[in-house]
Amino acid sequence: MIIQIYWVLLIIYIFMSWVPSTRDTKFGQLLEKIAEPYLGFFRKFIPPLGMIDISPIVGLFTLNLISRGVEELFILLSKYLL
């Protein structure tokens, strides 16, 4: 559930990039502190394609894969422990 909440915060932060003045608010600055360390990791390896930054898409995809992996791990553990 924590990963899903983080995923939603990343989506909000990404949409805020379409309206740059929203990042100057306290909420925008808070989201920047939360989202940029994760998204910055992907920006190191994935250069923008012209004016389009696809690193957030890769970051969201990766977070989704991690979420599914953690979910499957808990399912497997619950089968063996119960």
PDB file of N, CA and C in Angstrom:
ATOM      1  N   MET A   1       0.827  -1.192   0.000  1.00  0.00           N
ATOM      2  CA  MET A   1       0.000   0.000   0.000  1.00  0.00           C
ATOM      3  C   MET A   1       0.871   1.255   0.000  1.00  0.00           C
ATOM      4  N   ILE A   2       2.010   1.191   0.665  1.00  0.00           N
ATOM      5  CA  ILE A   2       2.916   2.335   0.703  1.00  0.00           C
ATOM      6  C   ILE A   2       3.437   2.638  -0.700  1.00  0.00           C
ATOM      7  N   ILE A   3       3.725   1.590  -1.449  1.00  0.00           N
ATOM      8  CA  ILE A   3       4.215   1.770  -2.815  1.00  0.00           C
ATOM      9  C   ILE A   3       3.133   2.416  -3.676  1.00  0.00           C
ATOM     10  N   GLN A   4       1.884   2.041  -3.476  1.00  0.00           N
ATOM     11  CA  GLN A   4       0.791   2.623  -4.246  1.00  0.00           C
ATOM     12  C   GLN A   4       0.614   4.104  -3.916  1.00  0.00           C
ATOM     13  N   ILE A   5       0.762   4.463  -2.658  1.00  0.00           N
ATOM     14  CA  ILE A   5       0.669   5.871  -2.265  1.00  0.00           C
ATOM     15  C   ILE A   5       1.804   6.663  -2.893  1.00  0.00           C
ATOM     16  N   TYR A   6       2.999   6.104  -2.866  1.00  0.00           N
ATOM     17  CA  TYR A   6       4.151   6.767  -3.485  1.00  0.00           C
ATOM     18  C   TYR A   6       3.930   6.917  -4.986  1.00  0.00           C
ATOM     19  N   TRP A   7       3.340   5.906  -5.616  1.00  0.00           N
ATOM     20  CA  TRP A   7       3.046   5.937  -7.046  1.00  0.00           C
ATOM     21  C   TRP A   7       2.115   7.107  -7.363  1.00  0.00           C
ATOM     22  N   VAL A   8       1.080   7.288  -6.544  1.00  0.00           N
ATOM     23  CA  VAL A   8       0.130   8.392  -6.740  1.00  0.00           C
ATOM     24  C   VAL A   8       0.839   9.733  -6.558  1.00  0.00           C
ATOM     25  N   LEU A   9       1.707   9.845  -5.555  1.00  0.00           N
ATOM     26  CA  LEU A   9       2.452  11.083  -5.352  1.00  0.00           C
ATOM     27  C   LEU A   9       3.349  11.391  -6.547  1.00  0.00           C
ATOM     28  N   LEU A  10       3.947  10.364  -7.131  1.00  0.00           N
ATOM     29  CA  LEU A  10       4.766  10.566  -8.327  1.00  0.00           C
ATOM     30  C   LEU A  10       3.914  11.050  -9.495  1.00  0.00           C
ATOM     31  N   ILE A  11       2.739  10.487  -9.666  1.00  0.00           N
ATOM     32  CA  ILE A  11       1.838  10.916 -10.742  1.00  0.00           C
ATOM     33  C   ILE A  11       1.471  12.387 -10.557  1.00  0.00           C
ATOM     34  N   ILE A  12       1.130  12.777  -9.341  1.00  0.00           N
ATOM     35  CA  ILE A  12       0.788  14.178  -9.066  1.00  0.00           C
ATOM     36  C   ILE A  12       1.979  15.073  -9.378  1.00  0.00           C
ATOM     37  N   TYR A  13       3.161  14.664  -8.963  1.00  0.00           N
ATOM     38  CA  TYR A  13       4.368  15.454  -9.215  1.00  0.00           C
ATOM     39  C   TYR A  13       4.638  15.582 -10.716  1.00  0.00           C
ATOM     40  N   ILE A  14       4.428  14.520 -11.454  1.00  0.00           N
ATOM     41  CA  ILE A  14       4.646  14.555 -12.900  1.00  0.00           C
ATOM     42  C   ILE A  14       3.639  15.497 -13.562  1.00  0.00           C
ATOM     43  N   PHE A  15       2.385  15.424 -13.168  1.00  0.00           N
ATOM     44  CA  PHE A  15       1.387  16.334 -13.738  1.00  0.00           C
ATOM     45  C   PHE A  15       1.663  17.783 -13.358  1.00  0.00           C
ATOM     46  N   MET A  16       2.255  17.990 -12.196  1.00  0.00           N
ATOM     47  CA  MET A  16       2.579  19.355 -11.778  1.00  0.00           C
ATOM     48  C   MET A  16       3.629  19.980 -12.693  1.00  0.00           C
ATOM     49  N   SER A  17       4.386  19.157 -13.394  1.00  0.00           N
ATOM     50  CA  SER A  17       5.395  19.707 -14.309  1.00  0.00           C
ATOM     51  C   SER A  17       4.752  20.418 -15.492  1.00  0.00           C
ATOM     52  N   TRP A  18       3.490  20.120 -15.771  1.00  0.00           N
ATOM     53  CA  TRP A  18       2.789  20.792 -16.860  1.00  0.00           C
ATOM     54  C   TRP A  18       2.412  22.224 -16.485  1.00  0.00           C
ATOM     55  N   VAL A  19       2.324  22.499 -15.188  1.00  0.00           N
ATOM     56  CA  VAL A  19       2.032  23.849 -14.700  1.00  0.00           C
ATOM     57  C   VAL A  19       3.160  24.206 -13.734  1.00  0.00           C
ATOM     58  N   PRO A  20       4.243  24.799 -14.249  1.00  0.00           N
ATOM     59  CA  PRO A  20       5.442  25.010 -13.423  1.00  0.00           C
ATOM     60  C   PRO A  20       5.219  25.832 -12.149  1.00  0.00           C
ATOM     61  N   SER A  21       4.246  26.721 -12.143  1.00  0.00           N
ATOM     62  CA  SER A  21       4.033  27.537 -10.942  1.00  0.00           C
ATOM     63  C   SER A  21       3.558  26.700  -9.757  1.00  0.00           C
ATOM     64  N   THR A  22       3.004  25.521 -10.008  1.00  0.00           N
ATOM     65  CA  THR A  22       2.536  24.685  -8.906  1.00  0.00           C
ATOM     66  C   THR A  22       3.698  24.103  -8.106  1.00  0.00           C
ATOM     67  N   ARG A  23       4.859  23.996  -8.715  1.00  0.00           N
ATOM     68  CA  ARG A  23       6.023  23.462  -7.987  1.00  0.00           C
ATOM     69  C   ARG A  23       6.599  24.466  -7.010  1.00  0.00           C
ATOM     70  N   ASP A  24       6.208  25.712  -7.129  1.00  0.00           N
ATOM     71  CA  ASP A  24       6.695  26.740  -6.204  1.00  0.00           C
ATOM     72  C   ASP A  24       5.898  26.773  -4.905  1.00  0.00           C
ATOM     73  N   THR A  25       4.783  26.067  -4.850  1.00  0.00           N
ATOM     74  CA  THR A  25       3.989  26.033  -3.626  1.00  0.00           C
ATOM     75  C   THR A  25       4.667  25.122  -2.602  1.00  0.00           C
ATOM     76  N   LYS A  26       4.216  25.205  -1.364  1.00  0.00           N
ATOM     77  CA  LYS A  26       4.786  24.339  -0.326  1.00  0.00           C
ATOM     78  C   LYS A  26       4.508  22.867  -0.629  1.00  0.00           C
ATOM     79  N   PHE A  27       3.325  22.584  -1.143  1.00  0.00           N
ATOM     80  CA  PHE A  27       2.993  21.208  -1.510  1.00  0.00           C
ATOM     81  C   PHE A  27       3.899  20.732  -2.636  1.00  0.00           C
ATOM     82  N   GLY A  28       4.135  21.594  -3.618  1.00  0.00           N
ATOM     83  CA  GLY A  28       5.019  21.239  -4.727  1.00  0.00           C
ATOM     84  C   GLY A  28       6.439  20.997  -4.267  1.00  0.00           C
ATOM     85  N   GLN A  29       6.913  21.804  -3.327  1.00  0.00           N
ATOM     86  CA  GLN A  29       8.264  21.626  -2.800  1.00  0.00           C
ATOM     87  C   GLN A  29       8.371  20.337  -1.997  1.00  0.00           C
ATOM     88  N   LEU A  30       7.319  20.007  -1.256  1.00  0.00           N
ATOM     89  CA  LEU A  30       7.298  18.752  -0.503  1.00  0.00           C
ATOM     90  C   LEU A  30       7.334  17.554  -1.454  1.00  0.00           C
ATOM     91  N   LEU A  31       6.510  17.613  -2.500  1.00  0.00           N
ATOM     92  CA  LEU A  31       6.519  16.526  -3.477  1.00  0.00           C
ATOM     93  C   LEU A  31       7.866  16.415  -4.172  1.00  0.00           C
ATOM     94  N   GLU A  32       8.516  17.538  -4.421  1.00  0.00           N
ATOM     95  CA  GLU A  32       9.835  17.510  -5.045  1.00  0.00           C
ATOM     96  C   GLU A  32      10.839  16.776  -4.162  1.00  0.00           C
ATOM     97  N   LYS A  33      10.788  17.037  -2.866  1.00  0.00           N
ATOM     98  CA  LYS A  33      11.697  16.351  -1.939  1.00  0.00           C
ATOM     99  C   LYS A  33      11.423  14.851  -1.882  1.00  0.00           C
ATOM    100  N   ILE A  34      10.174  14.487  -2.088  1.00  0.00           N
ATOM    101  CA  ILE A  34       9.803  13.077  -2.034  1.00  0.00           C
ATOM    102  C   ILE A  34      10.101  12.372  -3.359  1.00  0.00           C
ATOM    103  N   ALA A  35       9.822  13.031  -4.475  1.00  0.00           N
ATOM    104  CA  ALA A  35       9.883  12.377  -5.784  1.00  0.00           C
ATOM    105  C   ALA A  35      11.241  12.468  -6.470  1.00  0.00           C
ATOM    106  N   GLU A  36      11.934  13.568  -6.318  1.00  0.00           N
ATOM    107  CA  GLU A  36      13.169  13.772  -7.091  1.00  0.00           C
ATOM    108  C   GLU A  36      14.277  12.770  -6.803  1.00  0.00           C
ATOM    109  N   PRO A  37      14.478  12.326  -5.566  1.00  0.00           N
ATOM    110  CA  PRO A  37      15.530  11.315  -5.374  1.00  0.00           C
ATOM    111  C   PRO A  37      15.283  10.046  -6.198  1.00  0.00           C
ATOM    112  N   TYR A  38      14.046   9.619  -6.276  1.00  0.00           N
ATOM    113  CA  TYR A  38      13.715   8.421  -7.048  1.00  0.00           C
ATOM    114  C   TYR A  38      13.801   8.696  -8.546  1.00  0.00           C
ATOM    115  N   LEU A  39      13.152   9.768  -8.996  1.00  0.00           N
ATOM    116  CA  LEU A  39      13.157  10.082 -10.424  1.00  0.00           C
ATOM    117  C   LEU A  39      14.537  10.509 -10.905  1.00  0.00           C
ATOM    118  N   GLY A  40      15.300  11.152 -10.045  1.00  0.00           N
ATOM    119  CA  GLY A  40      16.651  11.571 -10.411  1.00  0.00           C
ATOM    120  C   GLY A  40      17.549  10.390 -10.737  1.00  0.00           C
ATOM    121  N   PHE A  41      17.323   9.280 -10.071  1.00  0.00           N
ATOM    122  CA  PHE A  41      18.088   8.065 -10.362  1.00  0.00           C
ATOM    123  C   PHE A  41      17.917   7.665 -11.827  1.00  0.00           C
ATOM    124  N   PHE A  42      16.687   7.715 -12.314  1.00  0.00           N
ATOM    125  CA  PHE A  42      16.414   7.318 -13.697  1.00  0.00           C
ATOM    126  C   PHE A  42      16.906   8.371 -14.687  1.00  0.00           C
ATOM    127  N   ARG A  43      16.890   9.628 -14.287  1.00  0.00           N
ATOM    128  CA  ARG A  43      17.365  10.688 -15.173  1.00  0.00           C
ATOM    129  C   ARG A  43      18.869  10.589 -15.429  1.00  0.00           C
ATOM    130  N   LYS A  44      19.591   9.959 -14.521  1.00  0.00           N
ATOM    131  CA  LYS A  44      21.032   9.765 -14.722  1.00  0.00           C
ATOM    132  C   LYS A  44      21.302   8.859 -15.921  1.00  0.00           C
ATOM    133  N   PHE A  45      20.414   7.892 -16.142  1.00  0.00           N
ATOM    134  CA  PHE A  45      20.640   6.874 -17.159  1.00  0.00           C
ATOM    135  C   PHE A  45      19.828   7.077 -18.443  1.00  0.00           C
ATOM    136  N   ILE A  46      18.725   7.814 -18.346  1.00  0.00           N
ATOM    137  CA  ILE A  46      17.840   7.967 -19.496  1.00  0.00           C
ATOM    138  C   ILE A  46      17.812   9.438 -19.914  1.00  0.00           C
ATOM    139  N   PRO A  47      18.458   9.763 -21.018  1.00  0.00           N
ATOM    140  CA  PRO A  47      18.439  11.159 -21.465  1.00  0.00           C
ATOM    141  C   PRO A  47      17.074  11.517 -22.055  1.00  0.00           C
ATOM    142  N   PRO A  48      16.716  12.798 -22.004  1.00  0.00           N
ATOM    143  CA  PRO A  48      15.443  13.211 -22.612  1.00  0.00           C
ATOM    144  C   PRO A  48      15.465  13.012 -24.131  1.00  0.00           C
ATOM    145  N   LEU A  49      14.327  12.700 -24.678  1.00  0.00           N
ATOM    146  CA  LEU A  49      14.184  12.569 -26.124  1.00  0.00           C
ATOM    147  C   LEU A  49      13.627  13.891 -26.649  1.00  0.00           C
ATOM    148  N   GLY A  50      14.521  14.777 -27.028  1.00  0.00           N
ATOM    149  CA  GLY A  50      14.098  16.109 -27.434  1.00  0.00           C
ATOM    150  C   GLY A  50      13.569  16.863 -26.236  1.00  0.00           C
ATOM    151  N   MET A  51      12.305  17.248 -26.293  1.00  0.00           N
ATOM    152  CA  MET A  51      11.675  17.973 -25.183  1.00  0.00           C
ATOM    153  C   MET A  51      10.931  17.034 -24.232  1.00  0.00           C
ATOM    154  N   ILE A  52      10.978  15.746 -24.493  1.00  0.00           N
ATOM    155  CA  ILE A  52      10.204  14.787 -23.705  1.00  0.00           C
ATOM    156  C   ILE A  52      11.131  13.997 -22.788  1.00  0.00           C
ATOM    157  N   ASP A  53      10.813  14.048 -21.495  1.00  0.00           N
ATOM    158  CA  ASP A  53      11.565  13.291 -20.492  1.00  0.00           C
ATOM    159  C   ASP A  53      10.791  12.015 -20.193  1.00  0.00           C
ATOM    160  N   ILE A  54      11.321  10.877 -20.631  1.00  0.00           N
ATOM    161  CA  ILE A  54      10.614   9.612 -20.416  1.00  0.00           C
ATOM    162  C   ILE A  54      11.046   8.902 -19.128  1.00  0.00           C
ATOM    163  N   SER A  55      11.985   9.486 -18.404  1.00  0.00           N
ATOM    164  CA  SER A  55      12.445   8.837 -17.177  1.00  0.00           C
ATOM    165  C   SER A  55      11.322   8.643 -16.153  1.00  0.00           C
ATOM    166  N   PRO A  56      10.347   9.571 -16.009  1.00  0.00           N
ATOM    167  CA  PRO A  56       9.249   9.283 -15.071  1.00  0.00           C
ATOM    168  C   PRO A  56       8.420   8.072 -15.478  1.00  0.00           C
ATOM    169  N   ILE A  57       8.265   7.853 -16.775  1.00  0.00           N
ATOM    170  CA  ILE A  57       7.504   6.691 -17.238  1.00  0.00           C
ATOM    171  C   ILE A  57       8.239   5.411 -16.850  1.00  0.00           C
ATOM    172  N   VAL A  58       9.543   5.410 -17.057  1.00  0.00           N
ATOM    173  CA  VAL A  58      10.349   4.242 -16.685  1.00  0.00           C
ATOM    174  C   VAL A  58      10.327   4.052 -15.168  1.00  0.00           C
ATOM    175  N   GLY A  59      10.388   5.163 -14.431  1.00  0.00           N
ATOM    176  CA  GLY A  59      10.330   5.089 -12.972  1.00  0.00           C
ATOM    177  C   GLY A  59       9.015   4.515 -12.472  1.00  0.00           C
ATOM    178  N   LEU A  60       7.905   4.949 -13.066  1.00  0.00           N
ATOM    179  CA  LEU A  60       6.602   4.417 -12.671  1.00  0.00           C
ATOM    180  C   LEU A  60       6.472   2.941 -13.039  1.00  0.00           C
ATOM    181  N   PHE A  61       6.958   2.581 -14.211  1.00  0.00           N
ATOM    182  CA  PHE A  61       6.928   1.184 -14.640  1.00  0.00           C
ATOM    183  C   PHE A  61       7.739   0.313 -13.673  1.00  0.00           C
ATOM    184  N   THR A  62       8.917   0.790 -13.300  1.00  0.00           N
ATOM    185  CA  THR A  62       9.771   0.050 -12.372  1.00  0.00           C
ATOM    186  C   THR A  62       9.107  -0.092 -11.004  1.00  0.00           C
ATOM    187  N   LEU A  63       8.504   0.992 -10.536  1.00  0.00           N
ATOM    188  CA  LEU A  63       7.816   0.946  -9.248  1.00  0.00           C
ATOM    189  C   LEU A  63       6.657  -0.043  -9.292  1.00  0.00           C
ATOM    190  N   ASN A  64       5.971  -0.104 -10.416  1.00  0.00           N
ATOM    191  CA  ASN A  64       4.883  -1.066 -10.581  1.00  0.00           C
ATOM    192  C   ASN A  64       5.412  -2.494 -10.531  1.00  0.00           C
ATOM    193  N   LEU A  65       6.536  -2.740 -11.200  1.00  0.00           N
ATOM    194  CA  LEU A  65       7.142  -4.083 -11.156  1.00  0.00           C
ATOM    195  C   LEU A  65       7.570  -4.454  -9.737  1.00  0.00           C
ATOM    196  N   ILE A  66       8.141  -3.506  -9.016  1.00  0.00           N
ATOM    197  CA  ILE A  66       8.550  -3.749  -7.630  1.00  0.00           C
ATOM    198  C   ILE A  66       7.332  -4.087  -6.779  1.00  0.00           C
ATOM    199  N   SER A  67       6.262  -3.335  -6.975  1.00  0.00           N
ATOM    200  CA  SER A  67       5.031  -3.565  -6.220  1.00  0.00           C
ATOM    201  C   SER A  67       4.494  -4.971  -6.471  1.00  0.00           C
ATOM    202  N   ARG A  68       4.474  -5.376  -7.733  1.00  0.00           N
ATOM    203  CA  ARG A  68       3.998  -6.723  -8.063  1.00  0.00           C
ATOM    204  C   ARG A  68       4.911  -7.795  -7.476  1.00  0.00           C
ATOM    205  N   GLY A  69       6.206  -7.551  -7.510  1.00  0.00           N
ATOM    206  CA  GLY A  69       7.151  -8.513  -6.954  1.00  0.00           C
ATOM    207  C   GLY A  69       6.979  -8.672  -5.454  1.00  0.00           C
ATOM    208  N   VAL A  70       6.794  -7.559  -4.755  1.00  0.00           N
ATOM    209  CA  VAL A  70       6.590  -7.611  -3.305  1.00  0.00           C
ATOM    210  C   VAL A  70       5.282  -8.330  -2.990  1.00  0.00           C
ATOM    211  N   GLU A  71       4.254  -8.038  -3.779  1.00  0.00           N
ATOM    212  CA  GLU A  71       2.966  -8.699  -3.573  1.00  0.00           C
ATOM    213  C   GLU A  71       3.078 -10.217  -3.768  1.00  0.00           C
ATOM    214  N   GLU A  72       3.766 -10.634  -4.822  1.00  0.00           N
ATOM    215  CA  GLU A  72       3.955 -12.060  -5.075  1.00  0.00           C
ATOM    216  C   GLU A  72       4.774 -12.715  -3.964  1.00  0.00           C
ATOM    217  N   LEU A  73       5.761 -11.993  -3.460  1.00  0.00           N
ATOM    218  CA  LEU A  73       6.584 -12.518  -2.372  1.00  0.00           C
ATOM    219  C   LEU A  73       5.739 -12.761  -1.124  1.00  0.00           C
ATOM    220  N   PHE A  74       4.857 -11.807  -0.800  1.00  0.00           N
ATOM    221  CA  PHE A  74       3.987 -11.990   0.365  1.00  0.00           C
ATOM    222  C   PHE A  74       3.019 -13.145   0.155  1.00  0.00           C
ATOM    223  N   ILE A  75       2.536 -13.322  -1.048  1.00  0.00           N
ATOM    224  CA  ILE A  75       1.624 -14.433  -1.335  1.00  0.00           C
ATOM    225  C   ILE A  75       2.362 -15.759  -1.144  1.00  0.00           C
ATOM    226  N   LEU A  76       3.572 -15.849  -1.676  1.00  0.00           N
ATOM    227  CA  LEU A  76       4.348 -17.076  -1.507  1.00  0.00           C
ATOM    228  C   LEU A  76       4.665 -17.354  -0.047  1.00  0.00           C
ATOM    229  N   LEU A  77       5.058 -16.323   0.673  1.00  0.00           N
ATOM    230  CA  LEU A  77       5.374 -16.506   2.091  1.00  0.00           C
ATOM    231  C   LEU A  77       4.164 -16.928   2.882  1.00  0.00           C
ATOM    232  N   SER A  78       3.012 -16.347   2.570  1.00  0.00           N
ATOM    233  CA  SER A  78       1.794 -16.713   3.311  1.00  0.00           C
ATOM    234  C   SER A  78       1.393 -18.167   3.040  1.00  0.00           C
ATOM    235  N   LYS A  79       1.656 -18.658   1.834  1.00  0.00           N
ATOM    236  CA  LYS A  79       1.314 -20.057   1.524  1.00  0.00           C
ATOM    237  C   LYS A  79       2.204 -21.011   2.302  1.00  0.00           C
ATOM    238  N   TYR A  80       3.475 -20.655   2.459  1.00  0.00           N
ATOM    239  CA  TYR A  80       4.396 -21.550   3.139  1.00  0.00           C
ATOM    240  C   TYR A  80       4.343 -21.418   4.653  1.00  0.00           C
ATOM    241  N   LEU A  81       3.938 -20.272   5.151  1.00  0.00           N
ATOM    242  CA  LEU A  81       3.900 -20.075   6.598  1.00  0.00           C
ATOM    243  C   LEU A  81       2.557 -20.460   7.215  1.00  0.00           C
ATOM    244  N   LEU A  82       1.512 -20.495   6.403  1.00  0.00           N
ATOM    245  CA  LEU A  82       0.206 -20.834   6.970  1.00  0.00           C
ATOM    246  C   LEU A  82      -0.146 -22.248   6.727  1.00  0.00           C
TER     247      LEU A  82
END
